[in-house]
mmCIF file of all heavy atoms, coordinates in Angstrom:
data_MODEL
# 
_entry.id   MODEL 
# 
loop_
_atom_site.group_PDB 
_atom_site.id 
_atom_site.type_symbol 
_atom_site.label_atom_id 
_atom_site.label_alt_id 
_atom_site.label_comp_id 
_atom_site.label_asym_id 
_atom_site.label_entity_id 
_atom_site.label_seq_id 
_atom_site.pdbx_PDB_ins_code 
_atom_site.Cartn_x 
_atom_site.Cartn_y 
_atom_site.Cartn_z 
_atom_site.occupancy 
_atom_site.B_iso_or_equiv 
_atom_site.pdbx_formal_charge 
_atom_site.auth_seq_id 
_atom_site.auth_comp_id 
_atom_site.auth_asym_id 
_atom_site.auth_atom_id 
_atom_site.pdbx_PDB_model_num 
ATOM 1   N N   . LEU A 1 1  ? 133.632 68.066 80.189 1.00 0.00 ? 1  LEU A N   1 
ATOM 2   C CA  . LEU A 1 1  ? 134.071 66.906 79.424 1.00 0.00 ? 1  LEU A CA  1 
ATOM 3   C C   . LEU A 1 1  ? 132.929 66.257 78.643 1.00 0.00 ? 1  LEU A C   1 
ATOM 4   O O   . LEU A 1 1  ? 133.091 65.893 77.471 1.00 0.00 ? 1  LEU A O   1 
ATOM 5   C CB  . LEU A 1 1  ? 134.712 65.874 80.352 1.00 0.00 ? 1  LEU A CB  1 
ATOM 6   C CG  . LEU A 1 1  ? 136.069 66.234 80.955 1.00 0.00 ? 1  LEU A CG  1 
ATOM 7   C CD1 . LEU A 1 1  ? 136.462 65.205 82.011 1.00 0.00 ? 1  LEU A CD1 1 
ATOM 8   C CD2 . LEU A 1 1  ? 137.128 66.305 79.870 1.00 0.00 ? 1  LEU A CD2 1 
ATOM 9   N N   . LEU A 1 2  ? 131.775 66.102 79.278 1.00 0.00 ? 2  LEU A N   1 
ATOM 10  C CA  . LEU A 1 2  ? 130.676 65.385 78.629 1.00 0.00 ? 2  LEU A CA  1 
ATOM 11  C C   . LEU A 1 2  ? 130.129 66.117 77.407 1.00 0.00 ? 2  LEU A C   1 
ATOM 12  O O   . LEU A 1 2  ? 129.872 65.483 76.375 1.00 0.00 ? 2  LEU A O   1 
ATOM 13  C CB  . LEU A 1 2  ? 129.574 65.095 79.644 1.00 0.00 ? 2  LEU A CB  1 
ATOM 14  C CG  . LEU A 1 2  ? 129.977 64.084 80.738 1.00 0.00 ? 2  LEU A CG  1 
ATOM 15  C CD1 . LEU A 1 2  ? 128.922 63.988 81.821 1.00 0.00 ? 2  LEU A CD1 1 
ATOM 16  C CD2 . LEU A 1 2  ? 130.244 62.707 80.120 1.00 0.00 ? 2  LEU A CD2 1 
ATOM 17  N N   . PRO A 1 3  ? 129.944 67.449 77.437 1.00 0.00 ? 3  PRO A N   1 
ATOM 18  C CA  . PRO A 1 3  ? 129.527 68.140 76.209 1.00 0.00 ? 3  PRO A CA  1 
ATOM 19  C C   . PRO A 1 3  ? 130.567 68.019 75.091 1.00 0.00 ? 3  PRO A C   1 
ATOM 20  O O   . PRO A 1 3  ? 130.204 67.934 73.910 1.00 0.00 ? 3  PRO A O   1 
ATOM 21  C CB  . PRO A 1 3  ? 129.375 69.594 76.664 1.00 0.00 ? 3  PRO A CB  1 
ATOM 22  C CG  . PRO A 1 3  ? 129.077 69.503 78.120 1.00 0.00 ? 3  PRO A CG  1 
ATOM 23  C CD  . PRO A 1 3  ? 129.890 68.349 78.604 1.00 0.00 ? 3  PRO A CD  1 
ATOM 24  N N   . ARG A 1 4  ? 131.839 67.973 75.442 1.00 0.00 ? 4  ARG A N   1 
ATOM 25  C CA  . ARG A 1 4  ? 132.873 67.793 74.420 1.00 0.00 ? 4  ARG A CA  1 
ATOM 26  C C   . ARG A 1 4  ? 132.763 66.415 73.778 1.00 0.00 ? 4  ARG A C   1 
ATOM 27  O O   . ARG A 1 4  ? 132.922 66.264 72.556 1.00 0.00 ? 4  ARG A O   1 
ATOM 28  C CB  . ARG A 1 4  ? 134.261 67.970 75.043 1.00 0.00 ? 4  ARG A CB  1 
ATOM 29  C CG  . ARG A 1 4  ? 134.604 69.413 75.395 1.00 0.00 ? 4  ARG A CG  1 
ATOM 30  C CD  . ARG A 1 4  ? 135.840 69.481 76.275 1.00 0.00 ? 4  ARG A CD  1 
ATOM 31  N NE  . ARG A 1 4  ? 137.026 68.934 75.601 1.00 0.00 ? 4  ARG A NE  1 
ATOM 32  C CZ  . ARG A 1 4  ? 138.159 68.629 76.232 1.00 0.00 ? 4  ARG A CZ  1 
ATOM 33  N NH1 . ARG A 1 4  ? 138.252 68.779 77.552 1.00 0.00 ? 4  ARG A NH1 1 
ATOM 34  N NH2 . ARG A 1 4  ? 139.181 68.155 75.560 1.00 0.00 ? 4  ARG A NH2 1 
ATOM 35  N N   . LEU A 1 5  ? 132.475 65.406 74.594 1.00 0.00 ? 5  LEU A N   1 
ATOM 36  C CA  . LEU A 1 5  ? 132.308 64.052 74.064 1.00 0.00 ? 5  LEU A CA  1 
ATOM 37  C C   . LEU A 1 5  ? 131.110 63.994 73.116 1.00 0.00 ? 5  LEU A C   1 
ATOM 38  O O   . LEU A 1 5  ? 131.173 63.391 72.032 1.00 0.00 ? 5  LEU A O   1 
ATOM 39  C CB  . LEU A 1 5  ? 132.132 63.063 75.213 1.00 0.00 ? 5  LEU A CB  1 
ATOM 40  C CG  . LEU A 1 5  ? 131.873 61.597 74.845 1.00 0.00 ? 5  LEU A CG  1 
ATOM 41  C CD1 . LEU A 1 5  ? 132.922 61.068 73.884 1.00 0.00 ? 5  LEU A CD1 1 
ATOM 42  C CD2 . LEU A 1 5  ? 131.826 60.741 76.106 1.00 0.00 ? 5  LEU A CD2 1 
ATOM 43  N N   . LEU A 1 6  ? 130.014 64.640 73.487 1.00 0.00 ? 6  LEU A N   1 
ATOM 44  C CA  . LEU A 1 6  ? 128.831 64.688 72.625 1.00 0.00 ? 6  LEU A CA  1 
ATOM 45  C C   . LEU A 1 6  ? 129.149 65.414 71.320 1.00 0.00 ? 6  LEU A C   1 
ATOM 46  O O   . LEU A 1 6  ? 128.721 64.994 70.238 1.00 0.00 ? 6  LEU A O   1 
ATOM 47  C CB  . LEU A 1 6  ? 127.684 65.382 73.359 1.00 0.00 ? 6  LEU A CB  1 
ATOM 48  C CG  . LEU A 1 6  ? 126.378 65.535 72.570 1.00 0.00 ? 6  LEU A CG  1 
ATOM 49  C CD1 . LEU A 1 6  ? 125.794 64.166 72.231 1.00 0.00 ? 6  LEU A CD1 1 
ATOM 50  C CD2 . LEU A 1 6  ? 125.364 66.350 73.372 1.00 0.00 ? 6  LEU A CD2 1 
ATOM 51  N N   . ARG A 1 7  ? 129.918 66.488 71.407 1.00 0.00 ? 7  ARG A N   1 
ATOM 52  C CA  . ARG A 1 7  ? 130.262 67.283 70.224 1.00 0.00 ? 7  ARG A CA  1 
ATOM 53  C C   . ARG A 1 7  ? 131.120 66.474 69.257 1.00 0.00 ? 7  ARG A C   1 
ATOM 54  O O   . ARG A 1 7  ? 130.911 66.512 68.044 1.00 0.00 ? 7  ARG A O   1 
ATOM 55  C CB  . ARG A 1 7  ? 130.996 68.549 70.679 1.00 0.00 ? 7  ARG A CB  1 
ATOM 56  C CG  . ARG A 1 7  ? 131.282 69.564 69.586 1.00 0.00 ? 7  ARG A CG  1 
ATOM 57  C CD  . ARG A 1 7  ? 131.671 70.883 70.225 1.00 0.00 ? 7  ARG A CD  1 
ATOM 58  N NE  . ARG A 1 7  ? 132.114 71.847 69.225 1.00 0.00 ? 7  ARG A NE  1 
ATOM 59  C CZ  . ARG A 1 7  ? 133.366 72.244 69.052 1.00 0.00 ? 7  ARG A CZ  1 
ATOM 60  N NH1 . ARG A 1 7  ? 134.316 71.767 69.857 1.00 0.00 ? 7  ARG A NH1 1 
ATOM 61  N NH2 . ARG A 1 7  ? 133.692 73.125 68.127 1.00 0.00 ? 7  ARG A NH2 1 
ATOM 62  N N   . VAL A 1 8  ? 132.093 65.730 69.772 1.00 0.00 ? 8  VAL A N   1 
ATOM 63  C CA  . VAL A 1 8  ? 132.934 64.890 68.921 1.00 0.00 ? 8  VAL A CA  1 
ATOM 64  C C   . VAL A 1 8  ? 132.100 63.790 68.272 1.00 0.00 ? 8  VAL A C   1 
ATOM 65  O O   . VAL A 1 8  ? 132.271 63.471 67.090 1.00 0.00 ? 8  VAL A O   1 
ATOM 66  C CB  . VAL A 1 8  ? 134.098 64.299 69.735 1.00 0.00 ? 8  VAL A CB  1 
ATOM 67  C CG1 . VAL A 1 8  ? 134.823 63.213 68.953 1.00 0.00 ? 8  VAL A CG1 1 
ATOM 68  C CG2 . VAL A 1 8  ? 135.086 65.392 70.134 1.00 0.00 ? 8  VAL A CG2 1 
ATOM 69  N N   . SER A 1 9  ? 131.177 63.191 69.033 1.00 0.00 ? 9  SER A N   1 
ATOM 70  C CA  . SER A 1 9  ? 130.298 62.153 68.487 1.00 0.00 ? 9  SER A CA  1 
ATOM 71  C C   . SER A 1 9  ? 129.459 62.704 67.338 1.00 0.00 ? 9  SER A C   1 
ATOM 72  O O   . SER A 1 9  ? 129.297 62.052 66.296 1.00 0.00 ? 9  SER A O   1 
ATOM 73  C CB  . SER A 1 9  ? 129.384 61.597 69.579 1.00 0.00 ? 9  SER A CB  1 
ATOM 74  O OG  . SER A 1 9  ? 130.118 61.049 70.645 1.00 0.00 ? 9  SER A OG  1 
ATOM 75  N N   . GLU A 1 10 ? 128.935 63.911 67.525 1.00 0.00 ? 10 GLU A N   1 
ATOM 76  C CA  . GLU A 1 10 ? 128.117 64.530 66.479 1.00 0.00 ? 10 GLU A CA  1 
ATOM 77  C C   . GLU A 1 10 ? 128.953 64.834 65.241 1.00 0.00 ? 10 GLU A C   1 
ATOM 78  O O   . GLU A 1 10 ? 128.480 64.685 64.116 1.00 0.00 ? 10 GLU A O   1 
ATOM 79  C CB  . GLU A 1 10 ? 127.474 65.813 67.010 1.00 0.00 ? 10 GLU A CB  1 
ATOM 80  C CG  . GLU A 1 10 ? 126.505 66.450 66.027 1.00 0.00 ? 10 GLU A CG  1 
ATOM 81  C CD  . GLU A 1 10 ? 125.745 67.602 66.623 1.00 0.00 ? 10 GLU A CD  1 
ATOM 82  O OE1 . GLU A 1 10 ? 126.059 68.001 67.757 1.00 0.00 ? 10 GLU A OE1 1 
ATOM 83  O OE2 . GLU A 1 10 ? 124.832 68.104 65.950 1.00 0.00 ? 10 GLU A OE2 1 
ATOM 84  N N   . ALA A 1 11 ? 130.212 65.253 65.447 1.00 0.00 ? 11 ALA A N   1 
ATOM 85  C CA  . ALA A 1 11 ? 131.086 65.540 64.312 1.00 0.00 ? 11 ALA A CA  1 
ATOM 86  C C   . ALA A 1 11 ? 131.346 64.282 63.490 1.00 0.00 ? 11 ALA A C   1 
ATOM 87  O O   . ALA A 1 11 ? 131.339 64.313 62.246 1.00 0.00 ? 11 ALA A O   1 
ATOM 88  C CB  . ALA A 1 11 ? 132.401 66.131 64.805 1.00 0.00 ? 11 ALA A CB  1 
ATOM 89  N N   . TYR A 1 12 ? 131.573 63.161 64.180 1.00 0.00 ? 12 TYR A N   1 
ATOM 90  C CA  . TYR A 1 12 ? 131.807 61.905 63.468 1.00 0.00 ? 12 TYR A CA  1 
ATOM 91  C C   . TYR A 1 12 ? 130.579 61.508 62.650 1.00 0.00 ? 12 TYR A C   1 
ATOM 92  O O   . TYR A 1 12 ? 130.698 61.116 61.477 1.00 0.00 ? 12 TYR A O   1 
ATOM 93  C CB  . TYR A 1 12 ? 132.158 60.794 64.451 1.00 0.00 ? 12 TYR A CB  1 
ATOM 94  C CG  . TYR A 1 12 ? 132.159 59.428 63.817 1.00 0.00 ? 12 TYR A CG  1 
ATOM 95  C CD1 . TYR A 1 12 ? 133.145 59.059 62.915 1.00 0.00 ? 12 TYR A CD1 1 
ATOM 96  C CD2 . TYR A 1 12 ? 131.132 58.515 64.083 1.00 0.00 ? 12 TYR A CD2 1 
ATOM 97  C CE1 . TYR A 1 12 ? 133.138 57.819 62.304 1.00 0.00 ? 12 TYR A CE1 1 
ATOM 98  C CE2 . TYR A 1 12 ? 131.120 57.272 63.476 1.00 0.00 ? 12 TYR A CE2 1 
ATOM 99  C CZ  . TYR A 1 12 ? 132.126 56.926 62.587 1.00 0.00 ? 12 TYR A CZ  1 
ATOM 100 O OH  . TYR A 1 12 ? 132.097 55.703 61.978 1.00 0.00 ? 12 TYR A OH  1 
ATOM 101 N N   . LEU A 1 13 ? 129.396 61.631 63.245 1.00 0.00 ? 13 LEU A N   1 
ATOM 102 C CA  . LEU A 1 13 ? 128.179 61.286 62.522 1.00 0.00 ? 13 LEU A CA  1 
ATOM 103 C C   . LEU A 1 13 ? 127.999 62.181 61.297 1.00 0.00 ? 13 LEU A C   1 
ATOM 104 O O   . LEU A 1 13 ? 127.643 61.713 60.206 1.00 0.00 ? 13 LEU A O   1 
ATOM 105 C CB  . LEU A 1 13 ? 126.961 61.398 63.448 1.00 0.00 ? 13 LEU A CB  1 
ATOM 106 C CG  . LEU A 1 13 ? 125.601 61.103 62.808 1.00 0.00 ? 13 LEU A CG  1 
ATOM 107 C CD1 . LEU A 1 13 ? 125.559 59.683 62.260 1.00 0.00 ? 13 LEU A CD1 1 
ATOM 108 C CD2 . LEU A 1 13 ? 124.482 61.306 63.831 1.00 0.00 ? 13 LEU A CD2 1 
ATOM 109 N N   . ALA A 1 14 ? 128.273 63.485 61.464 1.00 0.00 ? 14 ALA A N   1 
ATOM 110 C CA  . ALA A 1 14 ? 128.137 64.415 60.347 1.00 0.00 ? 14 ALA A CA  1 
ATOM 111 C C   . ALA A 1 14 ? 129.093 64.058 59.210 1.00 0.00 ? 14 ALA A C   1 
ATOM 112 O O   . ALA A 1 14 ? 128.724 64.114 58.023 1.00 0.00 ? 14 ALA A O   1 
ATOM 113 C CB  . ALA A 1 14 ? 128.389 65.846 60.826 1.00 0.00 ? 14 ALA A CB  1 
ATOM 114 N N   . LEU A 1 15 ? 130.312 63.666 59.543 1.00 0.00 ? 15 LEU A N   1 
ATOM 115 C CA  . LEU A 1 15 ? 131.279 63.277 58.525 1.00 0.00 ? 15 LEU A CA  1 
ATOM 116 C C   . LEU A 1 15 ? 130.795 62.067 57.740 1.00 0.00 ? 15 LEU A C   1 
ATOM 117 O O   . LEU A 1 15 ? 130.959 61.994 56.510 1.00 0.00 ? 15 LEU A O   1 
ATOM 118 C CB  . LEU A 1 15 ? 132.631 62.980 59.173 1.00 0.00 ? 15 LEU A CB  1 
ATOM 119 C CG  . LEU A 1 15 ? 133.432 64.179 59.691 1.00 0.00 ? 15 LEU A CG  1 
ATOM 120 C CD1 . LEU A 1 15 ? 134.641 63.702 60.491 1.00 0.00 ? 15 LEU A CD1 1 
ATOM 121 C CD2 . LEU A 1 15 ? 133.876 65.073 58.543 1.00 0.00 ? 15 LEU A CD2 1 
ATOM 122 N N   . LYS A 1 16 ? 130.205 61.092 58.433 1.00 0.00 ? 16 LYS A N   1 
ATOM 123 C CA  . LYS A 1 16 ? 129.703 59.904 57.754 1.00 0.00 ? 16 LYS A CA  1 
ATOM 124 C C   . LYS A 1 16 ? 128.468 60.230 56.906 1.00 0.00 ? 16 LYS A C   1 
ATOM 125 O O   . LYS A 1 16 ? 128.259 59.629 55.847 1.00 0.00 ? 16 LYS A O   1 
ATOM 126 C CB  . LYS A 1 16 ? 129.389 58.806 58.782 1.00 0.00 ? 16 LYS A CB  1 
ATOM 127 C CG  . LYS A 1 16 ? 130.642 58.199 59.393 1.00 0.00 ? 16 LYS A CG  1 
ATOM 128 C CD  . LYS A 1 16 ? 131.533 57.614 58.315 1.00 0.00 ? 16 LYS A CD  1 
ATOM 129 C CE  . LYS A 1 16 ? 132.870 57.169 58.818 1.00 0.00 ? 16 LYS A CE  1 
ATOM 130 N NZ  . LYS A 1 16 ? 133.745 56.664 57.731 1.00 0.00 ? 16 LYS A NZ  1 
ATOM 131 N N   . GLU A 1 17 ? 127.636 61.154 57.377 1.00 0.00 ? 17 GLU A N   1 
ATOM 132 C CA  . GLU A 1 17 ? 126.490 61.579 56.562 1.00 0.00 ? 17 GLU A CA  1 
ATOM 133 C C   . GLU A 1 17 ? 126.971 62.222 55.260 1.00 0.00 ? 17 GLU A C   1 
ATOM 134 O O   . GLU A 1 17 ? 126.440 61.941 54.177 1.00 0.00 ? 17 GLU A O   1 
ATOM 135 C CB  . GLU A 1 17 ? 125.631 62.575 57.347 1.00 0.00 ? 17 GLU A CB  1 
ATOM 136 C CG  . GLU A 1 17 ? 124.833 61.952 58.479 1.00 0.00 ? 17 GLU A CG  1 
ATOM 137 C CD  . GLU A 1 17 ? 124.077 62.988 59.290 1.00 0.00 ? 17 GLU A CD  1 
ATOM 138 O OE1 . GLU A 1 17 ? 124.617 64.091 59.520 1.00 0.00 ? 17 GLU A OE1 1 
ATOM 139 O OE2 . GLU A 1 17 ? 122.941 62.697 59.705 1.00 0.00 ? 17 GLU A OE2 1 
ATOM 140 N N   . ILE A 1 18 ? 127.984 63.075 55.351 1.00 0.00 ? 18 ILE A N   1 
ATOM 141 C CA  . ILE A 1 18 ? 128.520 63.735 54.157 1.00 0.00 ? 18 ILE A CA  1 
ATOM 142 C C   . ILE A 1 18 ? 129.143 62.703 53.221 1.00 0.00 ? 18 ILE A C   1 
ATOM 143 O O   . ILE A 1 18 ? 128.942 62.746 51.996 1.00 0.00 ? 18 ILE A O   1 
ATOM 144 C CB  . ILE A 1 18 ? 129.559 64.796 54.557 1.00 0.00 ? 18 ILE A CB  1 
ATOM 145 C CG1 . ILE A 1 18 ? 128.870 65.942 55.317 1.00 0.00 ? 18 ILE A CG1 1 
ATOM 146 C CG2 . ILE A 1 18 ? 130.287 65.339 53.332 1.00 0.00 ? 18 ILE A CG2 1 
ATOM 147 C CD1 . ILE A 1 18 ? 129.828 66.912 55.956 1.00 0.00 ? 18 ILE A CD1 1 
ATOM 148 N N   . GLU A 1 19 ? 129.881 61.750 53.788 1.00 0.00 ? 19 GLU A N   1 
ATOM 149 C CA  . GLU A 1 19 ? 130.533 60.729 52.973 1.00 0.00 ? 19 GLU A CA  1 
ATOM 150 C C   . GLU A 1 19 ? 129.539 59.886 52.198 1.00 0.00 ? 19 GLU A C   1 
ATOM 151 O O   . GLU A 1 19 ? 129.746 59.589 51.007 1.00 0.00 ? 19 GLU A O   1 
ATOM 152 C CB  . GLU A 1 19 ? 131.391 59.828 53.867 1.00 0.00 ? 19 GLU A CB  1 
ATOM 153 C CG  . GLU A 1 19 ? 132.076 58.695 53.114 1.00 0.00 ? 19 GLU A CG  1 
ATOM 154 C CD  . GLU A 1 19 ? 132.832 57.747 54.037 1.00 0.00 ? 19 GLU A CD  1 
ATOM 155 O OE1 . GLU A 1 19 ? 132.876 57.992 55.264 1.00 0.00 ? 19 GLU A OE1 1 
ATOM 156 O OE2 . GLU A 1 19 ? 133.387 56.744 53.528 1.00 0.00 ? 19 GLU A OE2 1 
ATOM 157 N N   . HIS A 1 20 ? 128.446 59.477 52.835 1.00 0.00 ? 20 HIS A N   1 
ATOM 158 C CA  . HIS A 1 20 ? 127.533 58.520 52.212 1.00 0.00 ? 20 HIS A CA  1 
ATOM 159 C C   . HIS A 1 20 ? 126.280 59.150 51.605 1.00 0.00 ? 20 HIS A C   1 
ATOM 160 O O   . HIS A 1 20 ? 125.796 58.684 50.575 1.00 0.00 ? 20 HIS A O   1 
ATOM 161 C CB  . HIS A 1 20 ? 127.142 57.455 53.236 1.00 0.00 ? 20 HIS A CB  1 
ATOM 162 C CG  . HIS A 1 20 ? 128.277 56.585 53.651 1.00 0.00 ? 20 HIS A CG  1 
ATOM 163 N ND1 . HIS A 1 20 ? 128.702 55.512 52.905 1.00 0.00 ? 20 HIS A ND1 1 
ATOM 164 C CD2 . HIS A 1 20 ? 129.107 56.630 54.735 1.00 0.00 ? 20 HIS A CD2 1 
ATOM 165 C CE1 . HIS A 1 20 ? 129.734 54.928 53.497 1.00 0.00 ? 20 HIS A CE1 1 
ATOM 166 N NE2 . HIS A 1 20 ? 129.997 55.590 54.619 1.00 0.00 ? 20 HIS A NE2 1 
ATOM 167 N N   . VAL A 1 21 ? 125.749 60.182 52.236 1.00 0.00 ? 21 VAL A N   1 
ATOM 168 C CA  . VAL A 1 21 ? 124.505 60.794 51.755 1.00 0.00 ? 21 VAL A CA  1 
ATOM 169 C C   . VAL A 1 21 ? 124.780 62.039 50.930 1.00 0.00 ? 21 VAL A C   1 
ATOM 170 O O   . VAL A 1 21 ? 124.002 62.400 50.060 1.00 0.00 ? 21 VAL A O   1 
ATOM 171 C CB  . VAL A 1 21 ? 123.572 61.125 52.946 1.00 0.00 ? 21 VAL A CB  1 
ATOM 172 C CG1 . VAL A 1 21 ? 122.250 61.680 52.460 1.00 0.00 ? 21 VAL A CG1 1 
ATOM 173 C CG2 . VAL A 1 21 ? 123.335 59.885 53.808 1.00 0.00 ? 21 VAL A CG2 1 
ATOM 174 N N   . GLY A 1 22 ? 125.893 62.710 51.235 1.00 0.00 ? 22 GLY A N   1 
ATOM 175 C CA  . GLY A 1 22 ? 126.229 63.916 50.483 1.00 0.00 ? 22 GLY A CA  1 
ATOM 176 C C   . GLY A 1 22 ? 126.140 65.183 51.281 1.00 0.00 ? 22 GLY A C   1 
ATOM 177 O O   . GLY A 1 22 ? 126.705 66.208 50.904 1.00 0.00 ? 22 GLY A O   1 
ATOM 178 N N   . GLN A 1 23 ? 125.459 65.124 52.416 1.00 0.00 ? 23 GLN A N   1 
ATOM 179 C CA  . GLN A 1 23 ? 125.345 66.307 53.270 1.00 0.00 ? 23 GLN A CA  1 
ATOM 180 C C   . GLN A 1 23 ? 124.980 65.887 54.689 1.00 0.00 ? 23 GLN A C   1 
ATOM 181 O O   . GLN A 1 23 ? 124.384 64.835 54.899 1.00 0.00 ? 23 GLN A O   1 
ATOM 182 C CB  . GLN A 1 23 ? 124.291 67.278 52.730 1.00 0.00 ? 23 GLN A CB  1 
ATOM 183 C CG  . GLN A 1 23 ? 122.888 66.694 52.700 1.00 0.00 ? 23 GLN A CG  1 
ATOM 184 C CD  . GLN A 1 23 ? 121.860 67.668 52.141 1.00 0.00 ? 23 GLN A CD  1 
ATOM 185 O OE1 . GLN A 1 23 ? 122.223 68.695 51.584 1.00 0.00 ? 23 GLN A OE1 1 
ATOM 186 N NE2 . GLN A 1 23 ? 120.587 67.352 52.278 1.00 0.00 ? 23 GLN A NE2 1 
ATOM 187 N N   . ALA A 1 24 ? 125.359 66.724 55.633 1.00 0.00 ? 24 ALA A N   1 
ATOM 188 C CA  . ALA A 1 24 ? 125.005 66.478 57.032 1.00 0.00 ? 24 ALA A CA  1 
ATOM 189 C C   . ALA A 1 24 ? 123.589 66.966 57.290 1.00 0.00 ? 24 ALA A C   1 
ATOM 190 O O   . ALA A 1 24 ? 123.157 67.984 56.734 1.00 0.00 ? 24 ALA A O   1 
ATOM 191 C CB  . ALA A 1 24 ? 125.989 67.185 57.953 1.00 0.00 ? 24 ALA A CB  1 
ATOM 192 N N   . SER A 1 25 ? 122.872 66.235 58.116 1.00 0.00 ? 25 SER A N   1 
ATOM 193 C CA  . SER A 1 25 ? 121.506 66.632 58.461 1.00 0.00 ? 25 SER A CA  1 
ATOM 194 C C   . SER A 1 25 ? 121.507 67.360 59.796 1.00 0.00 ? 25 SER A C   1 
ATOM 195 O O   . SER A 1 25 ? 122.525 67.446 60.478 1.00 0.00 ? 25 SER A O   1 
ATOM 196 C CB  . SER A 1 25 ? 120.598 65.401 58.516 1.00 0.00 ? 25 SER A CB  1 
ATOM 197 O OG  . SER A 1 25 ? 121.098 64.460 59.446 1.00 0.00 ? 25 SER A OG  1 
ATOM 198 N N   . ALA A 1 26 ? 120.362 67.884 60.155 1.00 0.00 ? 26 ALA A N   1 
ATOM 199 C CA  . ALA A 1 26 ? 120.229 68.610 61.416 1.00 0.00 ? 26 ALA A CA  1 
ATOM 200 C C   . ALA A 1 26 ? 119.319 67.824 62.355 1.00 0.00 ? 26 ALA A C   1 
ATOM 201 O O   . ALA A 1 26 ? 118.633 66.889 61.953 1.00 0.00 ? 26 ALA A O   1 
ATOM 202 C CB  . ALA A 1 26 ? 119.660 70.001 61.159 1.00 0.00 ? 26 ALA A CB  1 
ATOM 203 N N   . GLY A 1 27 ? 119.344 68.213 63.626 1.00 0.00 ? 27 GLY A N   1 
ATOM 204 C CA  . GLY A 1 27 ? 118.455 67.593 64.599 1.00 0.00 ? 27 GLY A CA  1 
ATOM 205 C C   . GLY A 1 27 ? 119.185 66.711 65.583 1.00 0.00 ? 27 GLY A C   1 
ATOM 206 O O   . GLY A 1 27 ? 120.416 66.689 65.652 1.00 0.00 ? 27 GLY A O   1 
ATOM 207 N N   . ASP A 1 28 ? 118.398 65.955 66.356 1.00 0.00 ? 28 ASP A N   1 
ATOM 208 C CA  . ASP A 1 28 ? 118.960 65.088 67.385 1.00 0.00 ? 28 ASP A CA  1 
ATOM 209 C C   . ASP A 1 28 ? 119.758 63.942 66.752 1.00 0.00 ? 28 ASP A C   1 
ATOM 210 O O   . ASP A 1 28 ? 119.508 63.531 65.609 1.00 0.00 ? 28 ASP A O   1 
ATOM 211 C CB  . ASP A 1 28 ? 117.845 64.511 68.256 1.00 0.00 ? 28 ASP A CB  1 
ATOM 212 C CG  . ASP A 1 28 ? 117.134 65.602 69.060 1.00 0.00 ? 28 ASP A CG  1 
ATOM 213 O OD1 . ASP A 1 28 ? 117.753 66.655 69.284 1.00 0.00 ? 28 ASP A OD1 1 
ATOM 214 O OD2 . ASP A 1 28 ? 115.960 65.381 69.447 1.00 0.00 ? 28 ASP A OD2 1 
ATOM 215 N N   . LEU A 1 29 ? 120.700 63.418 67.537 1.00 0.00 ? 29 LEU A N   1 
ATOM 216 C CA  . LEU A 1 29 ? 121.599 62.399 67.013 1.00 0.00 ? 29 LEU A CA  1 
ATOM 217 C C   . LEU A 1 29 ? 120.897 61.081 66.712 1.00 0.00 ? 29 LEU A C   1 
ATOM 218 O O   . LEU A 1 29 ? 121.209 60.428 65.719 1.00 0.00 ? 29 LEU A O   1 
ATOM 219 C CB  . LEU A 1 29 ? 122.743 62.155 68.008 1.00 0.00 ? 29 LEU A CB  1 
ATOM 220 C CG  . LEU A 1 29 ? 123.763 63.287 68.171 1.00 0.00 ? 29 LEU A CG  1 
ATOM 221 C CD1 . LEU A 1 29 ? 124.861 62.868 69.142 1.00 0.00 ? 29 LEU A CD1 1 
ATOM 222 C CD2 . LEU A 1 29 ? 124.375 63.658 66.839 1.00 0.00 ? 29 LEU A CD2 1 
# 
């Protein structure tokens, strides 16, 4: 369960990076 929660959190952050910056970045959250 916990890795799935981390994965969903990372997906949300990536979506916001794409929306505002234009692309998702790599590395730690």
